[in-house]
Amino acid sequence: MIVRTQAELDAALAASESLIEIRSEPGVWLRVGDTKSSRVEARGSSRVVAWGSSRVEAEAVA
């Protein structure tokens, strides 16, 4: 499921979608609050902020 807004993301999480692709406009922040067992993949000029017991892995792309 592709989402572009916080409302669409919240609805996708409530529906227990197994794969959610976020395509928000530049500068639009979306918060993932349903963390059960989430995996995040960021591409392009995306920015990810993690806190608490979160873990972020990054790899350089040549």
C-alpha atoms as a PDB file:
ATOM      1  CA  MET A   1       0.000   0.000   0.000  1.00  0.00           C
ATOM      2  CA  ILE A   2       1.325   3.453  -0.898  1.00  0.00           C
ATOM      3  CA  VAL A   3       0.669   6.321   1.531  1.00  0.00           C
ATOM      4  CA  ARG A   4       1.430  10.026   1.243  1.00  0.00           C
ATOM      5  CA  THR A   5      -0.025  11.510   4.439  1.00  0.00           C
ATOM      6  CA  GLN A   6      -0.084  10.772   8.167  1.00  0.00           C
ATOM      7  CA  ALA A   7      -3.800   9.912   7.939  1.00  0.00           C
ATOM      8  CA  GLU A   8      -3.137   7.354   5.190  1.00  0.00           C
ATOM      9  CA  LEU A   9      -0.247   5.859   7.182  1.00  0.00           C
ATOM     10  CA  ASP A  10      -2.369   5.622  10.334  1.00  0.00           C
ATOM     11  CA  ALA A  11      -5.136   3.869   8.363  1.00  0.00           C
ATOM     12  CA  ALA A  12      -2.657   1.419   6.822  1.00  0.00           C
ATOM     13  CA  LEU A  13      -1.215   0.591  10.248  1.00  0.00           C
ATOM     14  CA  ALA A  14      -4.716   0.146  11.701  1.00  0.00           C
ATOM     15  CA  ALA A  15      -5.531  -2.241   8.833  1.00  0.00           C
ATOM     16  CA  SER A  16      -2.366  -4.249   9.620  1.00  0.00           C
ATOM     17  CA  GLU A  17      -0.971  -3.803   6.112  1.00  0.00           C
ATOM     18  CA  SER A  18       2.140  -5.968   5.767  1.00  0.00           C
ATOM     19  CA  LEU A  19       3.956  -3.619   3.372  1.00  0.00           C
ATOM     20  CA  ILE A  20       3.572   0.163   3.445  1.00  0.00           C
ATOM     21  CA  GLU A  21       5.452   2.415   1.032  1.00  0.00           C
ATOM     22  CA  ILE A  22       5.643   6.064   2.078  1.00  0.00           C
ATOM     23  CA  ARG A  23       5.836   8.612  -0.745  1.00  0.00           C
ATOM     24  CA  SER A  24       5.330  11.885   1.098  1.00  0.00           C
ATOM     25  CA  GLU A  25       6.304  15.276  -0.271  1.00  0.00           C
ATOM     26  CA  PRO A  26       9.740  16.675   0.672  1.00  0.00           C
ATOM     27  CA  GLY A  27       9.620  18.198   4.147  1.00  0.00           C
ATOM     28  CA  VAL A  28       6.576  16.170   5.238  1.00  0.00           C
ATOM     29  CA  TRP A  29       7.278  14.125   8.364  1.00  0.00           C
ATOM     30  CA  LEU A  30       5.315  10.971   9.144  1.00  0.00           C
ATOM     31  CA  ARG A  31       5.481   9.196  12.494  1.00  0.00           C
ATOM     32  CA  VAL A  32       5.251   5.424  12.867  1.00  0.00           C
ATOM     33  CA  GLY A  33       3.591   4.757  16.198  1.00  0.00           C
ATOM     34  CA  ASP A  34       2.600   1.118  15.777  1.00  0.00           C
ATOM     35  CA  THR A  35       6.012  -0.454  16.206  1.00  0.00           C
ATOM     36  CA  LYS A  36       5.109  -4.120  16.833  1.00  0.00           C
ATOM     37  CA  SER A  37       7.833  -5.616  14.647  1.00  0.00           C
ATOM     38  CA  SER A  38       8.568  -2.964  12.062  1.00  0.00           C
ATOM     39  CA  ARG A  39      11.300  -2.770   9.463  1.00  0.00           C
ATOM     40  CA  VAL A  40      12.151   0.506   7.747  1.00  0.00           C
ATOM     41  CA  GLU A  41      13.935   0.901   4.428  1.00  0.00           C
ATOM     42  CA  ALA A  42      14.878   4.441   3.356  1.00  0.00           C
ATOM     43  CA  ARG A  43      15.888   5.343  -0.189  1.00  0.00           C
ATOM     44  CA  GLY A  44      16.947   8.413  -2.092  1.00  0.00           C
ATOM     45  CA  SER A  45      17.213  11.537   0.017  1.00  0.00           C
ATOM     46  CA  SER A  46      15.131  10.090   2.870  1.00  0.00           C
ATOM     47  CA  ARG A  47      15.876  10.829   6.493  1.00  0.00           C
ATOM     48  CA  VAL A  48      15.245   8.427   9.365  1.00  0.00           C
ATOM     49  CA  VAL A  49      15.274   9.340  13.056  1.00  0.00           C
ATOM     50  CA  ALA A  50      15.342   6.506  15.595  1.00  0.00           C
ATOM     51  CA  TRP A  51      15.219   6.602  19.395  1.00  0.00           C
ATOM     52  CA  GLY A  52      14.697   4.325  22.361  1.00  0.00           C
ATOM     53  CA  SER A  53      15.732   0.753  21.643  1.00  0.00           C
ATOM     54  CA  SER A  54      15.581   1.293  17.866  1.00  0.00           C
ATOM     55  CA  ARG A  55      18.387   0.163  15.611  1.00  0.00           C
ATOM     56  CA  VAL A  56      19.384   1.706  12.295  1.00  0.00           C
ATOM     57  CA  GLU A  57      21.671   0.114   9.716  1.00  0.00           C
ATOM     58  CA  ALA A  58      23.101   2.072   6.814  1.00  0.00           C
ATOM     59  CA  GLU A  59      25.119   1.098   3.802  1.00  0.00           C
ATOM     60  CA  ALA A  60      26.900   3.275   1.294  1.00  0.00           C
ATOM     61  CA  VAL A  61      25.645   3.160  -2.264  1.00  0.00           C
ATOM     62  CA  ALA A  62      28.219   4.014  -4.900  1.00  0.00           C
END
